[in-house]
Amino acid sequence: MNAGADPGTRTGNLNSPGHLPGNGNGELCARVLRLCDATEPMLPPGPAVDAVAAVRQRLGERTLRIAVGGRMNAGKSTLVNALLGRRLAATAATECTMLVAWFRRGVQNRVEVRRADGRVYHVPSAPGGGIPRDPARLGSPREEIEEIVVEVTDSLGADDYTLVDTPGMDTLSGLDEVAMRALAQADALLYVMPHPGAGDAEALQALRMKADARMTALNVVGVLSRVDELGSGVGDPWPGARRVAATYTRRLTGMVTEVVPVAGLLAQTAMGDEFTERDTALVRRLAASDSVALDRALYSPDDFLRWADGPLSADQRQRVFTLLGRYGIATAVAAVSSGVPGTRALLGELRRASGIDPLLDHMGRRFVYAADRLRAAAALGVLETGAAAGQAPPAAWPGLDALRAGIDAVRRHPLMRQQELATALADLAGERLALSEPDVASLVALATGATAPACLGLAPGSTPAALSAAAAEQAAHWRRLEFTAPSRPAQRHARTARELCEAFVFDARH
């Protein structure tokens, strides 16, 4: 893991939003912690002081929390394994996939079981680490388990964030309370969908209502998880996958920042450690077979698994198919046939073909780079809930007033202006905000851009003069809308957009 830096050692600005690799604590999180220090002695026992303690613990963690959610059988656990670089999450429709599972480094390979009655105990992990394949090894019936924490001793692929795998949103009793609580504790969300449709828009809206209203395009990325299964399932899936992803990026405006296509199974294999030299040898045997017969066998999963007169045994065909799928097999055979020299190089080709790197890049730009802001926003939400809970005795009023004033002061910080636009994105998603198409595009860019140029629709590396001019032009536009927009929500969001643009102007000139 990357070492955490002292949260007070770096000052962020609108061109570099205060991200510190390794723990995500920058200027905003430091301000939240100082607020906790200042107000905790003034608060009596109760929800507010509990919230302060929870925030201290949360910001003491080294990394951003990213949840992976979606509907049942969407490919969430497969994507988690790809991001971790290890097959640690349970896949396929087993009881273990119906549990909330957190993944972190620990002192040994084991699984911490947290029961609904508050009891916590450890059980051995699966061989090599990860969730046991047999749910009975967890020591309690699934319905009695609150969540599990998977600990491994070596470095995980996801060093910049902690991942939480959640059950399908249409499993158990609909939006399961435990899963929703886990999603509400996350700073950001990867929403996984194999074949996007109206159900995903409804699920995202329900998630926002039930889990956390912070989940908007500001911190949600959509993942089109099974691009190799689009269309007929044969040939190059990427042109169609990119079209589908672009279509649903538009349709889910306000709910996700973008929909990124990934071949999940291929990514899991390419990023993991299961594919060996023996598997490369099996691919070479396929590449040396009759190409017409291989094409026929790859027409469907059943055709390949029943290809008795091919070069592989039934067990070998099953293994290759389990690791690669039809698209992966065709990709691996083509790579070997073109002269890819060995297993490492072949895995590199499979990784490229999986589409995982664009997703990792997107997560870096949208989540990891913005970790300070995302973590601070989540912490402020916890503090606000604690400050608003129940009836407080008069002795608690000064402390609560100071806590609320401090929350408001952090929210007014220029680096939090983007976070304020989360409500605008939510209103767009809920069709409560009517703007022209160009204004919608500008608002989404302002709310989700990872850098000042991206927020303003400029090329990376734009000069301060160009930034200042573009920001001033947009500020003037939003100022006009602030007074002429037909609804109060539109006027309010225009004011926030105008203030953000003015902050860009100030930052560019100083």
Protein backbone atom coordinates (compact mmCIF):
# COMPACT_ATOMS: atom_id res chain seq x y z
CA MET A 1 0.00 0.00 0.00
CA ASN A 2 1.07 3.57 -0.52
CA ALA A 3 2.08 5.38 2.63
CA GLY A 4 -0.37 7.96 3.87
CA ALA A 5 0.78 11.57 4.06
CA ASP A 6 -0.05 14.05 6.78
CA PRO A 7 -3.41 15.59 5.82
CA GLY A 8 -2.28 19.10 6.56
CA THR A 9 0.83 19.15 4.41
CA ARG A 10 -0.66 20.02 1.06
CA THR A 11 -2.97 22.77 -0.04
CA GLY A 12 -5.30 21.94 -2.90
CA ASN A 13 -6.55 24.28 -5.59
CA LEU A 14 -9.08 24.04 -8.37
CA ASN A 15 -6.48 22.81 -10.84
CA SER A 16 -5.26 20.11 -8.44
CA PRO A 17 -8.10 19.13 -6.10
CA GLY A 18 -5.96 18.15 -3.11
CA HIS A 19 -5.63 14.41 -3.80
CA LEU A 20 -2.95 12.63 -1.83
CA PRO A 21 -2.25 9.12 -3.20
CA GLY A 22 -2.57 6.42 -0.60
CA ASN A 23 -5.10 7.88 1.80
CA GLY A 24 -7.06 10.54 -0.09
CA ASN A 25 -6.76 13.03 2.80
CA GLY A 26 -6.07 16.52 1.53
CA GLU A 27 -7.14 19.99 2.50
CA LEU A 28 -10.85 19.24 2.79
CA CYS A 29 -10.46 16.12 4.93
CA ALA A 30 -8.00 18.03 7.13
CA ARG A 31 -10.62 20.72 7.65
CA VAL A 32 -13.22 18.11 8.57
CA LEU A 33 -10.83 16.56 11.11
CA ARG A 34 -10.09 19.97 12.62
CA LEU A 35 -13.84 20.53 12.91
CA CYS A 36 -14.13 17.23 14.78
CA ASP A 37 -11.30 18.28 17.11
CA ALA A 38 -12.93 21.64 17.83
CA THR A 39 -16.48 20.44 18.45
CA GLU A 40 -16.12 17.03 20.08
CA PRO A 41 -15.36 18.44 23.59
CA MET A 42 -18.56 20.50 23.35
CA LEU A 43 -20.86 17.58 22.50
CA PRO A 44 -22.58 15.37 25.10
CA PRO A 45 -22.99 11.62 24.52
CA GLY A 46 -25.40 10.96 21.69
CA PRO A 47 -25.73 10.79 17.88
CA ALA A 48 -23.54 13.84 17.18
CA VAL A 49 -20.53 12.67 19.16
CA ASP A 50 -20.98 9.16 17.72
CA ALA A 51 -20.90 10.70 14.25
CA VAL A 52 -17.68 12.55 15.09
CA ALA A 53 -16.09 9.27 16.22
CA ALA A 54 -17.25 7.52 13.04
CA VAL A 55 -15.76 10.28 10.89
CA ARG A 56 -12.44 10.10 12.75
CA GLN A 57 -12.30 6.37 12.12
CA ARG A 58 -13.33 6.74 8.50
CA LEU A 59 -10.76 9.41 7.67
CA GLY A 60 -8.13 7.41 9.50
CA GLU A 61 -8.39 4.74 6.81
CA ARG A 62 -5.76 4.83 4.11
CA THR A 63 -7.95 4.65 1.07
CA LEU A 64 -11.08 5.69 -0.74
CA ARG A 65 -14.05 3.32 -0.43
CA ILE A 66 -15.52 2.20 -3.74
CA ALA A 67 -18.63 0.01 -3.78
CA VAL A 68 -19.46 -2.30 -6.66
CA GLY A 69 -23.22 -2.61 -7.13
CA GLY A 70 -25.77 -3.62 -9.69
CA ARG A 71 -28.57 -6.04 -10.31
CA MET A 72 -28.32 -9.82 -9.80
CA ASN A 73 -25.84 -11.69 -12.03
CA ALA A 74 -24.50 -8.43 -13.45
CA GLY A 75 -20.85 -9.51 -13.15
CA LYS A 76 -20.02 -7.49 -10.02
CA SER A 77 -17.82 -10.09 -8.32
CA THR A 78 -15.97 -10.85 -11.55
CA LEU A 79 -15.16 -7.15 -11.88
CA VAL A 80 -14.06 -7.01 -8.22
CA ASN A 81 -11.65 -9.88 -8.85
CA ALA A 82 -10.24 -8.10 -11.90
CA LEU A 83 -9.67 -4.90 -9.91
CA LEU A 84 -8.07 -6.81 -7.03
CA GLY A 85 -5.87 -8.86 -9.36
CA ARG A 86 -6.91 -12.01 -7.50
CA ARG A 87 -9.93 -14.30 -7.50
CA LEU A 88 -10.99 -13.36 -3.96
CA ALA A 89 -14.70 -12.65 -4.46
CA ALA A 90 -17.19 -15.47 -4.90
CA THR A 91 -18.62 -15.62 -8.40
CA ALA A 92 -21.68 -17.32 -9.95
CA ALA A 93 -25.02 -17.41 -8.16
CA THR A 94 -23.96 -18.87 -4.80
CA GLU A 95 -25.04 -17.91 -1.29
CA CYS A 96 -21.70 -16.18 -0.79
CA THR A 97 -22.50 -13.72 -3.59
CA MET A 98 -25.52 -12.60 -1.54
CA LEU A 99 -23.27 -11.19 1.19
CA VAL A 100 -21.66 -7.78 1.51
CA ALA A 101 -17.90 -8.40 1.28
CA TRP A 102 -15.12 -5.90 2.02
CA PHE A 103 -11.56 -6.56 0.83
CA ARG A 104 -8.45 -5.32 2.65
CA ARG A 105 -4.89 -6.22 3.61
CA GLY A 106 -4.46 -8.07 6.90
CA VAL A 107 -2.04 -10.00 9.07
CA GLN A 108 -3.04 -13.34 7.52
CA ASN A 109 -5.30 -14.79 4.86
CA ARG A 110 -8.63 -15.10 6.62
CA VAL A 111 -12.25 -13.98 6.56
CA GLU A 112 -13.79 -11.90 9.32
CA VAL A 113 -17.48 -12.73 9.77
CA ARG A 114 -19.65 -9.98 11.25
CA ARG A 115 -22.97 -11.36 12.44
CA ALA A 116 -26.20 -9.40 12.68
CA ASP A 117 -26.22 -9.96 16.46
CA GLY A 118 -22.88 -8.11 16.78
CA ARG A 119 -20.64 -11.15 17.22
CA VAL A 120 -17.42 -11.10 15.18
CA TYR A 121 -15.15 -14.07 14.50
CA HIS A 122 -12.63 -15.29 11.93
CA VAL A 123 -12.66 -18.33 9.66
CA PRO A 124 -9.99 -19.65 7.28
CA SER A 125 -10.10 -18.24 3.77
CA ALA A 126 -10.28 -20.27 0.60
CA PRO A 127 -6.96 -21.86 -0.45
CA GLY A 128 -4.77 -18.98 -1.63
CA GLY A 129 -7.08 -16.41 -0.03
CA GLY A 130 -10.58 -15.16 -0.57
CA ILE A 131 -14.14 -16.17 0.27
CA PRO A 132 -14.64 -19.92 0.90
CA ARG A 133 -16.46 -21.58 -1.98
CA ASP A 134 -18.62 -23.52 0.51
CA PRO A 135 -20.84 -21.07 2.46
CA ALA A 136 -21.02 -23.55 5.35
CA ARG A 137 -17.38 -22.69 6.10
CA LEU A 138 -18.49 -19.20 7.18
CA GLY A 139 -19.86 -20.75 10.38
CA SER A 140 -23.29 -19.07 10.32
CA PRO A 141 -26.33 -19.17 8.04
CA ARG A 142 -26.25 -16.43 5.43
CA GLU A 143 -29.31 -14.67 6.84
CA GLU A 144 -27.52 -14.26 10.20
CA ILE A 145 -24.43 -12.61 8.68
CA GLU A 146 -24.25 -8.82 8.44
CA GLU A 147 -21.14 -8.70 6.25
CA ILE A 148 -17.73 -10.28 5.78
CA VAL A 149 -14.27 -8.76 5.54
CA VAL A 150 -11.76 -10.61 3.39
CA GLU A 151 -8.17 -10.13 4.56
CA VAL A 152 -5.08 -11.06 2.53
CA THR A 153 -1.44 -10.65 3.46
CA ASP A 154 -0.04 -9.50 0.13
CA SER A 155 -0.64 -6.36 -1.86
CA LEU A 156 -3.92 -6.10 -3.72
CA GLY A 157 -4.24 -4.67 -7.20
CA ALA A 158 -6.49 -1.94 -5.82
CA ASP A 159 -3.95 -0.08 -3.67
CA ASP A 160 -5.63 3.31 -4.04
CA TYR A 161 -9.05 2.21 -2.81
CA THR A 162 -10.93 -0.30 -0.69
CA LEU A 163 -13.52 -2.33 -2.59
CA VAL A 164 -16.85 -3.58 -1.28
CA ASP A 165 -18.78 -6.18 -3.26
CA THR A 166 -22.55 -6.01 -2.74
CA PRO A 167 -25.38 -8.46 -3.45
CA GLY A 168 -27.58 -7.98 -6.49
CA MET A 169 -30.01 -5.16 -5.93
CA ASP A 170 -32.94 -7.40 -6.87
CA THR A 171 -31.90 -10.28 -4.58
CA LEU A 172 -33.31 -11.15 -1.19
CA SER A 173 -36.06 -8.62 -0.35
CA GLY A 174 -35.39 -6.16 -3.15
CA LEU A 175 -32.94 -3.48 -2.04
CA ASP A 176 -31.49 -5.36 0.92
CA GLU A 177 -30.93 -3.16 3.97
CA VAL A 178 -27.43 -4.47 4.67
CA ALA A 179 -26.34 -3.90 1.07
CA MET A 180 -27.83 -0.41 1.09
CA ARG A 181 -25.97 0.41 4.30
CA ALA A 182 -22.71 -0.71 2.71
CA LEU A 183 -23.40 1.41 -0.36
CA ALA A 184 -24.17 4.40 1.86
CA GLN A 185 -20.78 3.97 3.57
CA ALA A 186 -18.92 4.14 0.25
CA ASP A 187 -17.41 7.26 -1.25
CA ALA A 188 -18.05 6.21 -4.84
CA LEU A 189 -19.86 3.51 -6.81
CA LEU A 190 -19.19 1.33 -9.83
CA TYR A 191 -22.65 0.39 -11.11
CA VAL A 192 -22.35 -2.81 -13.15
CA MET A 193 -24.82 -3.71 -15.88
CA PRO A 194 -24.44 -6.50 -18.46
CA HIS A 195 -27.25 -5.32 -20.73
CA PRO A 196 -28.42 -1.80 -19.79
CA GLY A 197 -32.13 -1.15 -19.77
CA ALA A 198 -34.92 0.73 -18.04
CA GLY A 199 -34.49 -1.46 -14.97
CA ASP A 200 -31.03 -0.03 -14.37
CA ALA A 201 -32.30 3.55 -14.38
CA GLU A 202 -34.98 2.55 -11.88
CA ALA A 203 -32.45 0.67 -9.74
CA LEU A 204 -30.10 3.67 -9.67
CA GLN A 205 -32.92 5.98 -8.64
CA ALA A 206 -34.02 3.55 -5.93
CA LEU A 207 -30.43 3.26 -4.74
CA ARG A 208 -30.18 7.02 -4.37
CA MET A 209 -33.44 7.18 -2.45
CA LYS A 210 -32.69 4.26 -0.15
CA ALA A 211 -28.91 4.24 0.25
CA ASP A 212 -27.53 7.74 -0.10
CA ALA A 213 -28.60 10.79 -2.07
CA ARG A 214 -24.89 11.56 -2.65
CA MET A 215 -24.80 8.84 -5.32
CA THR A 216 -25.03 10.84 -8.54
CA ALA A 217 -22.91 11.28 -11.65
CA LEU A 218 -20.45 13.04 -9.35
CA ASN A 219 -19.30 9.73 -7.90
CA VAL A 220 -20.94 6.94 -9.93
CA VAL A 221 -19.41 5.27 -12.99
CA GLY A 222 -21.41 2.77 -15.02
CA VAL A 223 -19.73 -0.42 -16.23
CA LEU A 224 -21.04 -2.33 -19.25
CA SER A 225 -19.71 -5.61 -17.92
CA ARG A 226 -20.13 -8.29 -20.60
CA VAL A 227 -19.33 -6.67 -23.90
CA ASP A 228 -18.35 -10.05 -25.37
CA GLU A 229 -21.97 -11.21 -25.01
CA LEU A 230 -23.51 -8.31 -26.93
CA GLY A 231 -25.09 -9.13 -30.27
CA SER A 232 -24.35 -12.61 -31.56
CA GLY A 233 -21.42 -13.12 -29.21
CA VAL A 234 -18.99 -13.71 -32.08
CA GLY A 235 -16.69 -11.33 -33.95
CA ASP A 236 -15.36 -8.03 -32.65
CA PRO A 237 -17.74 -6.80 -29.92
CA TRP A 238 -16.14 -3.41 -29.40
CA PRO A 239 -17.83 -1.22 -32.03
CA GLY A 240 -21.25 -2.27 -30.75
CA ALA A 241 -20.15 -2.04 -27.12
CA ARG A 242 -18.93 1.53 -27.56
CA ARG A 243 -22.23 2.51 -29.20
CA VAL A 244 -24.26 0.95 -26.37
CA ALA A 245 -22.05 2.59 -23.74
CA ALA A 246 -22.39 6.01 -25.40
CA THR A 247 -26.16 5.62 -25.66
CA TYR A 248 -26.56 4.77 -21.99
CA THR A 249 -24.13 7.46 -20.91
CA ARG A 250 -26.60 9.90 -22.46
CA ARG A 251 -29.70 8.15 -21.10
CA LEU A 252 -28.29 8.00 -17.57
CA THR A 253 -27.20 11.65 -17.52
CA GLY A 254 -27.10 12.83 -13.94
CA MET A 255 -26.93 9.26 -12.61
CA VAL A 256 -23.50 8.18 -13.93
CA THR A 257 -20.56 10.18 -15.19
CA GLU A 258 -19.96 7.68 -17.98
CA VAL A 259 -20.67 4.08 -18.96
CA VAL A 260 -17.39 2.22 -19.62
CA PRO A 261 -17.45 -1.12 -21.51
CA VAL A 262 -15.40 -4.04 -20.13
CA ALA A 263 -15.16 -7.75 -20.94
CA GLY A 264 -15.34 -8.76 -17.29
CA LEU A 265 -14.34 -12.41 -17.51
CA LEU A 266 -11.37 -11.63 -19.72
CA ALA A 267 -10.32 -8.81 -17.36
CA GLN A 268 -10.50 -11.16 -14.36
CA THR A 269 -8.20 -13.66 -16.09
CA ALA A 270 -5.82 -11.07 -17.55
CA MET A 271 -5.37 -9.28 -14.22
CA GLY A 272 -5.21 -12.41 -12.05
CA ASP A 273 -2.78 -15.22 -11.40
CA GLU A 274 -4.72 -18.30 -12.54
CA PHE A 275 -3.70 -18.39 -16.20
CA THR A 276 -0.46 -20.40 -16.44
CA GLU A 277 2.02 -21.70 -18.98
CA ARG A 278 -0.10 -24.85 -19.25
CA ASP A 279 -3.05 -22.72 -20.32
CA THR A 280 -0.88 -21.00 -22.93
CA ALA A 281 0.02 -24.46 -24.23
CA LEU A 282 -3.69 -25.28 -24.54
CA VAL A 283 -4.25 -22.07 -26.51
CA ARG A 284 -1.35 -23.01 -28.81
CA ARG A 285 -3.00 -26.35 -29.49
CA LEU A 286 -6.21 -24.55 -30.42
CA ALA A 287 -4.28 -22.18 -32.67
CA ALA A 288 -2.71 -25.15 -34.45
CA SER A 289 -6.09 -26.80 -35.09
CA ASP A 290 -8.27 -26.39 -38.17
CA SER A 291 -9.43 -22.74 -38.12
CA VAL A 292 -12.78 -23.48 -39.76
CA ALA A 293 -13.54 -26.17 -37.18
CA LEU A 294 -12.51 -23.81 -34.37
CA ASP A 295 -14.77 -21.05 -35.71
CA ARG A 296 -17.67 -23.50 -35.79
CA ALA A 297 -16.91 -24.64 -32.23
CA LEU A 298 -16.88 -21.05 -31.00
CA TYR A 299 -20.34 -20.38 -32.41
CA SER A 300 -21.85 -21.14 -28.99
CA PRO A 301 -20.62 -22.23 -25.54
CA ASP A 302 -22.26 -25.64 -25.97
CA ASP A 303 -20.60 -26.16 -29.35
CA PHE A 304 -17.16 -25.51 -27.86
CA LEU A 305 -17.67 -27.61 -24.74
CA ARG A 306 -18.95 -30.52 -26.89
CA TRP A 307 -16.17 -30.26 -29.49
CA ALA A 308 -15.06 -33.85 -28.94
CA ASP A 309 -12.97 -34.16 -32.11
CA GLY A 310 -10.98 -30.99 -31.31
CA PRO A 311 -7.44 -30.90 -29.86
CA LEU A 312 -8.48 -30.57 -26.18
CA SER A 313 -10.06 -32.99 -23.73
CA ALA A 314 -13.39 -32.18 -22.10
CA ASP A 315 -11.68 -30.99 -18.89
CA GLN A 316 -9.25 -28.84 -20.87
CA ARG A 317 -12.05 -27.27 -22.89
CA GLN A 318 -13.94 -26.52 -19.68
CA ARG A 319 -10.90 -24.86 -18.10
CA VAL A 320 -10.08 -22.72 -21.11
CA PHE A 321 -13.70 -21.69 -21.49
CA THR A 322 -14.04 -20.89 -17.77
CA LEU A 323 -10.96 -18.66 -17.93
CA LEU A 324 -11.55 -16.94 -21.25
CA GLY A 325 -15.05 -17.42 -22.68
CA ARG A 326 -15.60 -17.46 -26.43
CA TYR A 327 -14.30 -13.95 -27.07
CA GLY A 328 -11.23 -14.55 -24.93
CA ILE A 329 -10.45 -17.84 -26.65
CA ALA A 330 -10.69 -16.21 -30.09
CA THR A 331 -8.53 -13.30 -28.89
CA ALA A 332 -5.90 -15.59 -27.35
CA VAL A 333 -5.75 -17.81 -30.44
CA ALA A 334 -5.34 -14.76 -32.69
CA ALA A 335 -2.54 -13.42 -30.45
CA VAL A 336 -0.67 -16.72 -30.43
CA SER A 337 -1.12 -17.11 -34.18
CA SER A 338 0.37 -13.63 -34.71
CA GLY A 339 3.52 -14.56 -32.81
CA VAL A 340 2.93 -13.41 -29.22
CA PRO A 341 5.91 -15.11 -27.54
CA GLY A 342 4.80 -16.31 -24.09
CA THR A 343 2.32 -16.28 -21.25
CA ARG A 344 3.19 -12.82 -19.94
CA ALA A 345 2.88 -11.27 -23.39
CA LEU A 346 -0.34 -13.19 -24.01
CA LEU A 347 -1.83 -11.91 -20.75
CA GLY A 348 -0.89 -8.40 -21.85
CA GLU A 349 -2.86 -8.89 -25.06
CA LEU A 350 -5.83 -10.25 -23.12
CA ARG A 351 -5.69 -7.29 -20.76
CA ARG A 352 -5.72 -4.88 -23.68
CA ALA A 353 -8.64 -6.72 -25.26
CA SER A 354 -10.62 -6.73 -22.00
CA GLY A 355 -11.02 -2.94 -21.79
CA ILE A 356 -10.02 -2.87 -18.13
CA ASP A 357 -7.37 -0.17 -18.56
CA PRO A 358 -9.81 2.54 -19.75
CA LEU A 359 -11.93 1.73 -16.69
CA LEU A 360 -8.91 1.96 -14.38
CA ASP A 361 -8.00 5.28 -15.98
CA HIS A 362 -11.54 6.54 -15.52
CA MET A 363 -11.57 5.45 -11.87
CA GLY A 364 -8.26 7.23 -11.37
CA ARG A 365 -9.50 10.47 -12.88
CA ARG A 366 -13.01 10.46 -11.42
CA PHE A 367 -12.46 8.79 -8.06
CA VAL A 368 -8.86 8.52 -6.89
CA TYR A 369 -7.88 11.99 -8.11
CA ALA A 370 -10.95 13.42 -6.37
CA ALA A 371 -10.54 11.29 -3.21
CA ASP A 372 -10.16 14.25 -0.87
CA ARG A 373 -13.41 15.81 -2.05
CA LEU A 374 -15.34 12.53 -2.13
CA ARG A 375 -14.16 11.47 1.33
CA ALA A 376 -14.87 14.89 2.81
CA ALA A 377 -18.37 14.92 1.30
CA ALA A 378 -19.12 11.50 2.78
CA ALA A 379 -17.80 12.62 6.17
CA LEU A 380 -19.90 15.78 6.14
CA GLY A 381 -22.97 13.67 5.38
CA VAL A 382 -22.28 11.56 8.48
CA LEU A 383 -21.80 14.67 10.62
CA GLU A 384 -24.98 16.30 9.30
CA THR A 385 -27.00 13.17 10.09
CA GLY A 386 -25.58 13.07 13.60
CA ALA A 387 -26.22 16.76 14.19
CA ALA A 388 -29.84 16.45 13.07
CA ALA A 389 -30.74 13.26 14.97
CA GLY A 390 -33.33 13.44 17.74
CA GLN A 391 -34.08 16.03 20.39
CA ALA A 392 -30.98 17.55 22.03
CA PRO A 393 -30.91 18.99 25.56
CA PRO A 394 -30.15 22.71 25.89
CA ALA A 395 -26.64 21.94 27.09
CA ALA A 396 -25.87 20.40 23.71
CA TRP A 397 -27.05 23.36 21.64
CA PRO A 398 -23.76 25.35 21.56
CA GLY A 399 -21.80 22.29 20.42
CA LEU A 400 -24.38 21.38 17.77
CA ASP A 401 -24.48 24.99 16.54
CA ALA A 402 -20.69 24.99 16.24
CA LEU A 403 -20.77 21.65 14.40
CA ARG A 404 -23.40 22.85 11.94
CA ALA A 405 -21.56 26.14 11.36
CA GLY A 406 -18.35 24.24 10.73
CA ILE A 407 -20.06 21.90 8.26
CA ASP A 408 -21.43 24.91 6.40
CA ALA A 409 -17.99 26.54 6.32
CA VAL A 410 -16.39 23.44 4.77
CA ARG A 411 -19.17 23.24 2.20
CA ARG A 412 -18.48 26.86 1.18
CA HIS A 413 -14.81 26.05 0.45
CA PRO A 414 -14.06 26.44 -3.30
CA LEU A 415 -12.95 22.81 -3.54
CA MET A 416 -16.45 21.71 -2.49
CA ARG A 417 -18.29 23.66 -5.17
CA GLN A 418 -18.41 20.60 -7.42
CA GLN A 419 -19.96 18.60 -4.61
CA GLU A 420 -22.73 21.18 -4.32
CA LEU A 421 -23.67 20.42 -7.92
CA ALA A 422 -24.52 16.84 -6.89
CA THR A 423 -28.08 18.01 -6.23
CA ALA A 424 -28.23 19.44 -9.74
CA LEU A 425 -27.21 16.07 -11.16
CA ALA A 426 -29.82 14.38 -8.99
CA ASP A 427 -32.47 16.79 -10.29
CA LEU A 428 -31.38 16.07 -13.86
CA ALA A 429 -31.62 12.33 -13.22
CA GLY A 430 -35.06 12.74 -11.66
CA GLU A 431 -36.25 14.97 -14.54
CA ARG A 432 -36.89 17.81 -12.09
CA LEU A 433 -34.49 20.14 -13.90
CA ALA A 434 -35.16 21.31 -17.43
CA LEU A 435 -32.20 22.86 -19.27
CA SER A 436 -31.12 23.08 -22.89
CA GLU A 437 -28.89 20.27 -24.14
CA PRO A 438 -25.76 22.51 -24.20
CA ASP A 439 -26.47 23.68 -20.65
CA VAL A 440 -26.92 20.09 -19.47
CA ALA A 441 -23.55 19.19 -21.00
CA SER A 442 -21.89 22.21 -19.39
CA LEU A 443 -23.43 21.47 -16.00
CA VAL A 444 -22.36 17.81 -16.07
CA ALA A 445 -18.82 18.83 -17.09
CA LEU A 446 -18.63 21.35 -14.25
CA ALA A 447 -19.85 18.80 -11.74
CA THR A 448 -17.76 15.84 -12.81
CA GLY A 449 -14.57 17.22 -14.38
CA ALA A 450 -11.41 16.01 -12.68
CA THR A 451 -9.46 19.17 -13.60
CA ALA A 452 -10.29 22.79 -14.29
CA PRO A 453 -9.85 22.37 -18.07
CA ALA A 454 -12.14 19.32 -18.04
CA CYS A 455 -14.77 21.22 -16.05
CA LEU A 456 -14.70 24.02 -18.60
CA GLY A 457 -14.56 21.84 -21.71
CA LEU A 458 -10.97 22.81 -22.54
CA ALA A 459 -8.01 20.70 -23.61
CA PRO A 460 -5.62 19.43 -20.91
CA GLY A 461 -2.80 21.84 -20.20
CA SER A 462 -4.76 24.95 -21.16
CA THR A 463 -3.07 28.18 -20.10
CA PRO A 464 -4.31 30.21 -17.13
CA ALA A 465 -5.41 32.91 -19.56
CA ALA A 466 -7.55 30.41 -21.50
CA LEU A 467 -8.98 29.04 -18.26
CA SER A 468 -9.81 32.52 -17.01
CA ALA A 469 -11.50 33.52 -20.27
CA ALA A 470 -13.57 30.34 -20.55
CA ALA A 471 -14.58 30.46 -16.89
CA ALA A 472 -15.57 34.13 -17.13
CA GLU A 473 -17.67 33.43 -20.22
CA GLN A 474 -19.45 30.54 -18.52
CA ALA A 475 -19.92 32.55 -15.32
CA ALA A 476 -21.66 35.28 -17.31
CA HIS A 477 -23.92 32.69 -18.97
CA TRP A 478 -24.90 31.08 -15.67
CA ARG A 479 -25.46 34.53 -14.15
CA ARG A 480 -28.05 35.24 -16.85
CA LEU A 481 -29.75 31.90 -16.21
CA GLU A 482 -29.71 32.61 -12.49
CA PHE A 483 -32.25 35.37 -13.11
CA THR A 484 -34.08 34.12 -16.21
CA ALA A 485 -34.44 30.35 -15.71
CA PRO A 486 -38.12 29.32 -15.49
CA SER A 487 -37.88 27.38 -12.20
CA ARG A 488 -36.37 27.93 -8.77
CA PRO A 489 -34.26 24.72 -8.92
CA ALA A 490 -32.77 25.86 -12.24
CA GLN A 491 -32.00 29.30 -10.78
CA ARG A 492 -30.42 27.76 -7.67
CA HIS A 493 -28.23 25.39 -9.68
CA ALA A 494 -27.28 28.19 -12.07
CA ARG A 495 -26.08 30.21 -9.08
CA THR A 496 -23.91 27.31 -7.88
CA ALA A 497 -22.49 26.86 -11.40
CA ARG A 498 -21.80 30.59 -11.61
CA GLU A 499 -19.99 30.57 -8.24
CA LEU A 500 -17.87 27.61 -9.33
CA CYS A 501 -16.90 29.36 -12.56
CA GLU A 502 -16.01 32.51 -10.64
CA ALA A 503 -13.81 30.40 -8.37
CA PHE A 504 -12.06 29.09 -11.50
CA VAL A 505 -11.50 32.69 -12.66
CA PHE A 506 -10.03 33.65 -9.29
CA ASP A 507 -7.80 30.56 -9.19
CA ALA A 508 -6.52 31.14 -12.75
CA ARG A 509 -5.58 34.74 -11.98
CA HIS A 510 -3.74 34.03 -8.74
